[in-house]
């Protein structure tokens, strides 16, 4: 019997076409909306649109690389990546650059990095690996140790201080713990304890963090200071009406009333120019991405794959929910970007890597089935 050798194309094709169709459609639509919005938001920023397009291309390359990784390799890398993240966070605390009163960046000579971004992926990786190892005998002690593994990097990040990133890292880990089977009674107890501890948390917060909460409750108390961001962004969102003022025609945007309009408040630009109809379309795209991610999580090949995919999917949800909430004035301003829409390379690469991991998990499931 003669066995034909597979052609070169047959051998490389599985390594080239690693993308998940529905997920790529959602990401592609987000990229298109992102470029259109950034063109308008960055009209007065020389080079900002080009930099944004470059960041999107880098994120796409990272997505492809992550999607090509074997699931077994991803699982084996969980502990080293988590350990590296902790080492870098300690290095930031000891040697990090101070900017605007916060020590968040580490200067490597050729570039600066923000290690806290790495923990957004390293944290769910580590906890998914841990619960995979404890699948057959999972008890209270396992959840307690998982909470310790989560608390260490969250405390280091909050100390920088960077409350927004600390909350995102905490959320990414809590999603894994929840999906691993944490009892609803425990969740309710933690929520009650959290509410009871609010006075202590308030006293431990920095002045600018307390001011953000007060500004959320009453932005008009400081309309030209701390409340300016929220007031102007909500005006922009509301003034868009049903169909918006038109592309590049936003008055709040181009008269410089919207602060940080290419980064944290890019949703205000989008809302003003494309209105409620545009917002609904954008939310449907995010819903497609999150829905597909949850389907991938539900069909994961093992516990590690299911926990990791579920956590990564809800990270996208958290980013979008928190950003839109703070721009709309229903959440404090904590500096969380809108996924793949806001300008910024580090967060975009992190989310691109997360999307690639989702595709790698889905590809592994297909390989197991065949």
Protein backbone atom coordinates (compact mmCIF):
# COMPACT_ATOMS: atom_id res chain seq x y z
CA UNK A 1 0.00 0.00 0.00
CA UNK A 2 1.43 3.37 -1.04
CA UNK A 3 1.10 6.30 1.35
CA UNK A 4 1.28 9.68 -0.33
CA UNK A 5 3.28 12.33 1.45
CA UNK A 6 1.26 15.48 2.24
CA UNK A 7 2.18 18.48 0.17
CA UNK A 8 3.92 21.52 1.64
CA UNK A 9 0.64 23.48 1.55
CA UNK A 10 -1.18 20.68 3.39
CA UNK A 11 1.47 20.76 6.11
CA UNK A 12 1.52 24.55 6.64
CA UNK A 13 -2.20 25.24 6.09
CA UNK A 14 -3.26 24.28 9.66
CA UNK A 15 -0.62 26.68 11.00
CA UNK A 16 -1.69 29.58 8.79
CA UNK A 17 -5.50 29.34 9.02
CA UNK A 18 -5.79 29.24 12.81
CA UNK A 19 -8.52 31.86 13.20
CA UNK A 20 -12.07 31.24 14.36
CA UNK A 21 -14.56 32.61 11.82
CA UNK A 22 -17.21 34.25 14.05
CA UNK A 23 -14.56 35.65 16.39
CA UNK A 24 -12.63 37.13 13.48
CA UNK A 25 -15.79 38.73 12.11
CA UNK A 26 -16.37 40.44 15.46
CA UNK A 27 -12.73 41.56 15.72
CA UNK A 28 -12.70 42.74 12.10
CA UNK A 29 -15.83 44.85 12.62
CA UNK A 30 -14.33 46.35 15.78
CA UNK A 31 -11.13 47.22 13.92
CA UNK A 32 -13.11 48.91 11.14
CA UNK A 33 -15.19 50.94 13.61
CA UNK A 34 -12.02 51.73 15.55
CA UNK A 35 -10.19 53.18 12.54
CA UNK A 36 -13.21 55.23 11.46
CA UNK A 37 -13.67 56.66 14.98
CA UNK A 38 -9.96 57.29 15.55
CA UNK A 39 -9.71 59.20 12.25
CA UNK A 40 -12.19 61.74 13.62
CA UNK A 41 -10.95 61.72 17.22
CA UNK A 42 -7.32 62.21 16.19
CA UNK A 43 -7.78 64.94 13.57
CA UNK A 44 -5.78 67.35 15.73
CA UNK A 45 -3.19 64.75 16.81
CA UNK A 46 -0.42 64.35 14.26
CA UNK A 47 0.52 60.70 13.80
CA UNK A 48 -2.03 59.36 16.30
CA UNK A 49 -4.11 57.55 13.64
CA UNK A 50 -0.98 55.98 12.12
CA UNK A 51 0.20 54.85 15.54
CA UNK A 52 -3.25 53.41 16.25
CA UNK A 53 -3.21 51.47 12.97
CA UNK A 54 0.28 50.18 13.81
CA UNK A 55 -0.91 49.04 17.23
CA UNK A 56 -3.83 47.22 15.63
CA UNK A 57 -1.45 45.43 13.26
CA UNK A 58 0.80 44.40 16.15
CA UNK A 59 -2.24 43.16 18.08
CA UNK A 60 -3.33 41.15 15.00
CA UNK A 61 0.12 39.56 14.78
CA UNK A 62 -0.01 38.69 18.49
CA UNK A 63 -3.48 37.19 17.97
CA UNK A 64 -2.17 34.97 15.16
CA UNK A 65 0.82 33.84 17.23
CA UNK A 66 -1.35 33.03 20.26
CA UNK A 67 -3.92 31.22 18.11
CA UNK A 68 -1.12 29.03 16.72
CA UNK A 69 0.05 27.86 20.16
CA UNK A 70 -0.74 24.30 21.28
CA UNK A 71 -3.04 24.23 24.31
CA UNK A 72 -0.58 21.98 26.17
CA UNK A 73 2.16 24.59 25.75
CA UNK A 74 -0.16 27.34 26.97
CA UNK A 75 -0.99 25.29 30.05
CA UNK A 76 2.67 24.57 30.82
CA UNK A 77 3.53 28.27 30.54
CA UNK A 78 1.00 29.34 33.20
CA UNK A 79 3.30 29.13 36.24
CA UNK A 80 6.37 30.74 34.56
CA UNK A 81 4.26 33.60 33.15
CA UNK A 82 2.63 34.23 36.54
CA UNK A 83 6.02 34.13 38.30
CA UNK A 84 7.50 36.52 35.72
CA UNK A 85 4.60 38.90 36.25
CA UNK A 86 5.15 38.92 40.02
CA UNK A 87 8.90 39.53 39.60
CA UNK A 88 8.21 42.46 37.27
CA UNK A 89 5.63 43.94 39.67
CA UNK A 90 8.16 43.77 42.50
CA UNK A 91 10.74 45.39 40.21
CA UNK A 92 8.28 48.20 39.47
CA UNK A 93 7.79 48.75 43.22
CA UNK A 94 11.56 48.96 43.71
CA UNK A 95 12.87 50.58 40.52
CA UNK A 96 9.85 51.73 38.50
CA UNK A 97 9.48 55.14 36.86
CA UNK A 98 7.22 57.61 38.64
CA UNK A 99 4.79 59.51 36.41
CA UNK A 100 1.93 61.73 37.64
CA UNK A 101 2.39 60.43 41.17
CA UNK A 102 2.17 56.73 40.23
CA UNK A 103 4.89 54.11 39.88
CA UNK A 104 3.57 51.85 37.11
CA UNK A 105 6.25 51.60 34.43
CA UNK A 106 9.52 49.70 34.21
CA UNK A 107 12.26 51.16 32.01
CA UNK A 108 14.14 48.41 30.12
CA UNK A 109 16.44 50.83 28.29
CA UNK A 110 15.05 50.31 24.79
CA UNK A 111 11.42 50.64 25.88
CA UNK A 112 9.12 51.00 28.87
CA UNK A 113 6.65 48.30 29.88
CA UNK A 114 3.68 48.20 32.25
CA UNK A 115 3.89 44.77 33.95
CA UNK A 116 0.41 45.08 35.43
CA UNK A 117 -1.00 44.54 31.91
CA UNK A 118 0.70 41.13 31.77
CA UNK A 119 -1.17 40.04 34.90
CA UNK A 120 -4.53 40.47 33.15
CA UNK A 121 -3.67 37.31 31.20
CA UNK A 122 -1.22 35.69 33.63
CA UNK A 123 -3.77 35.67 36.45
CA UNK A 124 -6.50 33.61 34.72
CA UNK A 125 -3.78 31.40 33.19
CA UNK A 126 -2.39 30.59 36.63
CA UNK A 127 -5.73 29.97 38.32
CA UNK A 128 -7.05 27.87 35.41
CA UNK A 129 -3.86 25.76 35.61
CA UNK A 130 -4.27 25.43 39.38
CA UNK A 131 -7.90 24.30 39.26
CA UNK A 132 -7.10 21.89 36.42
CA UNK A 133 -4.61 20.20 38.79
CA UNK A 134 -7.20 20.10 41.59
CA UNK A 135 -10.09 18.90 39.42
CA UNK A 136 -10.63 15.58 41.21
CA UNK A 137 -10.37 16.87 44.80
CA UNK A 138 -11.44 20.49 45.00
CA UNK A 139 -12.20 21.84 48.48
CA UNK A 140 -12.31 25.00 50.55
CA UNK A 141 -8.55 25.08 50.97
CA UNK A 142 -8.11 25.18 47.18
CA UNK A 143 -10.34 28.23 46.84
CA UNK A 144 -8.53 29.90 49.75
CA UNK A 145 -5.13 29.33 48.11
CA UNK A 146 -6.51 30.62 44.81
CA UNK A 147 -7.63 33.77 46.63
CA UNK A 148 -4.08 34.24 47.97
CA UNK A 149 -2.59 33.77 44.48
CA UNK A 150 -4.98 36.47 43.29
CA UNK A 151 -4.51 38.87 46.20
CA UNK A 152 -0.71 39.17 45.87
CA UNK A 153 -0.56 40.79 42.39
CA UNK A 154 -3.73 42.81 43.02
CA UNK A 155 -2.17 44.31 46.16
CA UNK A 156 1.07 45.12 44.31
CA UNK A 157 -0.84 46.85 41.50
CA UNK A 158 -3.14 48.76 43.86
CA UNK A 159 -0.05 50.00 45.71
CA UNK A 160 1.38 51.68 42.56
CA UNK A 161 -1.41 53.09 42.75
CA UNK A 162 -3.46 51.84 39.78
CA UNK A 163 -6.95 51.06 41.01
CA UNK A 164 -8.42 50.51 37.53
CA UNK A 165 -5.89 47.84 36.53
CA UNK A 166 -6.05 46.26 40.00
CA UNK A 167 -9.82 45.86 39.62
CA UNK A 168 -9.43 44.34 36.15
CA UNK A 169 -6.82 41.84 37.35
CA UNK A 170 -9.00 41.00 40.34
CA UNK A 171 -11.99 40.48 38.05
CA UNK A 172 -10.01 38.19 35.72
CA UNK A 173 -9.07 35.97 38.65
CA UNK A 174 -12.50 36.05 40.28
CA UNK A 175 -14.09 34.88 37.04
CA UNK A 176 -11.91 31.75 37.10
CA UNK A 177 -12.72 31.11 40.77
CA UNK A 178 -16.44 31.53 40.04
CA UNK A 179 -16.40 29.19 37.04
CA UNK A 180 -14.41 26.65 39.09
CA UNK A 181 -17.49 26.13 41.24
CA UNK A 182 -17.39 28.62 44.10
CA UNK A 183 -20.56 28.36 46.17
CA UNK A 184 -23.17 31.07 45.85
CA UNK A 185 -23.31 31.20 49.66
CA UNK A 186 -19.64 32.15 49.73
CA UNK A 187 -20.18 34.77 47.02
CA UNK A 188 -23.07 36.28 49.00
CA UNK A 189 -20.96 36.28 52.18
CA UNK A 190 -18.07 38.01 50.42
CA UNK A 191 -20.43 40.66 49.02
CA UNK A 192 -21.87 41.35 52.47
CA UNK A 193 -18.37 41.54 53.94
CA UNK A 194 -17.32 43.86 51.13
CA UNK A 195 -20.20 46.22 51.83
CA UNK A 196 -19.37 46.17 55.53
CA UNK A 197 -15.73 46.97 54.76
CA UNK A 198 -16.55 50.01 52.61
CA UNK A 199 -15.66 52.50 55.38
CA UNK A 200 -12.23 50.89 55.74
CA UNK A 201 -11.76 50.89 51.98
CA UNK A 202 -12.75 54.55 51.83
CA UNK A 203 -10.14 55.48 54.44
CA UNK A 204 -7.47 53.48 52.56
CA UNK A 205 -8.16 55.16 49.22
CA UNK A 206 -5.97 57.97 47.88
CA UNK A 207 -7.43 61.47 47.74
CA UNK A 208 -7.81 61.40 43.94
CA UNK A 209 -9.64 58.06 44.14
CA UNK A 210 -12.11 59.39 46.71
CA UNK A 211 -12.59 62.46 44.54
CA UNK A 212 -13.54 60.23 41.61
CA UNK A 213 -16.31 58.61 43.65
CA UNK A 214 -17.59 61.99 44.86
CA UNK A 215 -17.50 63.30 41.31
CA UNK A 216 -19.58 60.31 40.17
CA UNK A 217 -22.23 61.13 42.76
CA UNK A 218 -22.30 64.86 41.92
CA UNK A 219 -20.23 65.98 38.89
CA UNK A 220 -21.66 69.50 39.13
CA UNK A 221 -19.89 70.05 42.46
CA UNK A 222 -16.68 70.75 40.51
CA UNK A 223 -17.78 71.42 36.91
CA UNK A 224 -14.47 72.98 35.82
CA UNK A 225 -12.25 70.56 37.68
CA UNK A 226 -12.79 66.91 38.58
CA UNK A 227 -16.33 66.85 37.20
CA UNK A 228 -15.38 68.31 33.81
CA UNK A 229 -14.59 64.94 32.19
CA UNK A 230 -17.88 63.30 33.14
CA UNK A 231 -20.05 66.34 32.36
CA UNK A 232 -18.60 66.86 28.89
CA UNK A 233 -18.64 63.17 27.97
CA UNK A 234 -22.29 62.76 28.99
CA UNK A 235 -23.18 65.88 26.99
CA UNK A 236 -21.46 64.35 23.95
CA UNK A 237 -23.24 61.01 24.38
CA UNK A 238 -26.63 62.67 24.74
CA UNK A 239 -26.16 65.20 21.94
CA UNK A 240 -25.63 62.42 19.40
CA UNK A 241 -29.37 61.77 19.38
CA UNK A 242 -30.73 58.90 17.31
CA UNK A 243 -28.37 58.93 14.33
CA UNK A 244 -25.57 61.23 15.48
CA UNK A 245 -24.15 64.46 14.10
CA UNK A 246 -22.19 62.75 11.35
CA UNK A 247 -18.65 61.50 10.93
CA UNK A 248 -16.07 64.18 11.88
CA UNK A 249 -18.94 66.58 12.68
CA UNK A 250 -19.00 66.21 16.46
CA UNK A 251 -18.91 69.64 18.08
CA UNK A 252 -17.98 68.45 21.56
CA UNK A 253 -15.15 66.47 20.00
CA UNK A 254 -13.64 69.05 17.69
CA UNK A 255 -14.09 72.02 19.98
CA UNK A 256 -11.89 70.19 22.52
CA UNK A 257 -14.58 69.71 25.16
CA UNK A 258 -14.06 65.93 25.38
CA UNK A 259 -10.88 65.14 27.35
CA UNK A 260 -8.72 62.15 26.40
CA UNK A 261 -10.90 61.66 23.35
CA UNK A 262 -8.57 59.18 21.66
CA UNK A 263 -8.08 57.00 24.74
CA UNK A 264 -10.49 56.54 27.66
CA UNK A 265 -13.29 58.72 26.22
CA UNK A 266 -13.31 57.54 22.61
CA UNK A 267 -16.82 56.17 23.17
CA UNK A 268 -18.05 59.74 23.68
CA UNK A 269 -16.68 60.63 20.23
CA UNK A 270 -18.38 57.61 18.68
CA UNK A 271 -21.69 58.34 20.41
CA UNK A 272 -21.75 61.99 19.37
CA UNK A 273 -21.07 61.26 15.71
CA UNK A 274 -23.07 58.04 15.22
CA UNK A 275 -25.80 58.39 17.84
CA UNK A 276 -27.94 55.69 19.41
CA UNK A 277 -28.01 53.67 16.20
CA UNK A 278 -24.23 53.51 16.13
CA UNK A 279 -24.09 52.60 19.82
CA UNK A 280 -26.50 49.72 19.29
CA UNK A 281 -24.40 48.45 16.38
CA UNK A 282 -21.21 48.67 18.47
CA UNK A 283 -22.83 46.84 21.38
CA UNK A 284 -24.05 44.10 19.02
CA UNK A 285 -20.47 43.61 17.80
CA UNK A 286 -19.27 43.28 21.39
CA UNK A 287 -22.17 40.90 22.06
CA UNK A 288 -21.07 38.75 19.10
CA UNK A 289 -17.52 38.63 20.44
CA UNK A 290 -18.59 37.81 24.01
CA UNK A 291 -21.21 35.29 22.90
CA UNK A 292 -18.72 33.44 20.70
CA UNK A 293 -16.19 33.44 23.51
CA UNK A 294 -18.70 31.86 25.90
CA UNK A 295 -19.53 29.19 23.30
CA UNK A 296 -15.82 28.39 22.99
CA UNK A 297 -15.56 28.24 26.78
CA UNK A 298 -18.54 25.90 27.09
CA UNK A 299 -17.01 23.50 24.53
CA UNK A 300 -13.42 23.59 25.84
CA UNK A 301 -11.43 20.35 25.66
CA UNK A 302 -10.69 20.27 29.43
CA UNK A 303 -11.15 22.19 32.66
CA UNK A 304 -8.16 24.44 31.97
CA UNK A 305 -9.51 25.42 28.54
CA UNK A 306 -13.02 26.10 29.82
CA UNK A 307 -11.91 28.20 32.78
CA UNK A 308 -9.38 30.20 30.77
CA UNK A 309 -11.76 30.86 27.87
CA UNK A 310 -14.57 31.91 30.20
CA UNK A 311 -12.33 34.33 32.10
CA UNK A 312 -10.83 35.89 28.94
CA UNK A 313 -14.30 36.38 27.45
CA UNK A 314 -15.53 38.16 30.56
CA UNK A 315 -12.40 40.33 30.56
CA UNK A 316 -13.61 41.74 27.23
CA UNK A 317 -17.04 42.25 28.80
CA UNK A 318 -15.53 44.02 31.84
CA UNK A 319 -13.42 46.36 29.70
CA UNK A 320 -16.43 47.36 27.59
CA UNK A 321 -18.87 47.63 30.49
CA UNK A 322 -16.57 49.72 32.71
CA UNK A 323 -15.46 52.06 29.90
CA UNK A 324 -18.96 52.71 28.59
CA UNK A 325 -20.23 53.07 32.15
CA UNK A 326 -17.64 55.68 33.13
CA UNK A 327 -18.11 57.67 29.90
CA UNK A 328 -21.89 57.63 30.44
CA UNK A 329 -21.52 58.80 34.05
CA UNK A 330 -22.78 55.67 35.83
CA UNK A 331 -19.32 54.46 37.00
CA UNK A 332 -16.27 56.29 38.38
CA UNK A 333 -13.53 57.27 35.92
CA UNK A 334 -10.84 54.59 36.43
CA UNK A 335 -8.87 54.74 33.19
CA UNK A 336 -10.12 51.57 31.48
CA UNK A 337 -9.89 51.62 27.64
CA UNK A 338 -12.65 50.53 25.28
CA UNK A 339 -11.51 47.18 23.77
CA UNK A 340 -9.77 47.65 20.40
CA UNK A 341 -11.25 51.14 20.07
CA UNK A 342 -9.15 53.24 22.45
CA UNK A 343 -5.64 54.36 21.54
CA UNK A 344 -2.94 52.50 23.46
CA UNK A 345 -0.58 49.71 22.52
CA UNK A 346 -0.22 47.74 25.76
CA UNK A 347 -3.91 47.09 26.39
CA UNK A 348 -4.51 46.35 22.71
CA UNK A 349 -1.74 43.74 22.59
CA UNK A 350 -3.06 42.18 25.82
CA UNK A 351 -6.57 41.88 24.40
CA UNK A 352 -5.19 40.60 21.07
CA UNK A 353 -3.30 37.90 22.94
CA UNK A 354 -6.47 37.00 24.84
CA UNK A 355 -8.44 36.70 21.60
CA UNK A 356 -5.69 34.47 20.20
CA UNK A 357 -5.91 32.20 23.25
CA UNK A 358 -9.65 31.82 22.64
CA UNK A 359 -8.92 30.71 19.08
CA UNK A 360 -6.21 28.31 20.27
CA UNK A 361 -8.68 26.74 22.70
CA UNK A 362 -11.28 26.36 19.95
CA UNK A 363 -8.70 24.89 17.54
CA UNK A 364 -7.63 22.34 20.18
CA UNK A 365 -11.25 21.24 20.57
CA UNK A 366 -11.50 20.64 16.82
CA UNK A 367 -8.26 18.64 16.83
CA UNK A 368 -9.56 16.47 19.67
CA UNK A 369 -12.82 15.83 17.79
CA UNK A 370 -10.98 14.75 14.64
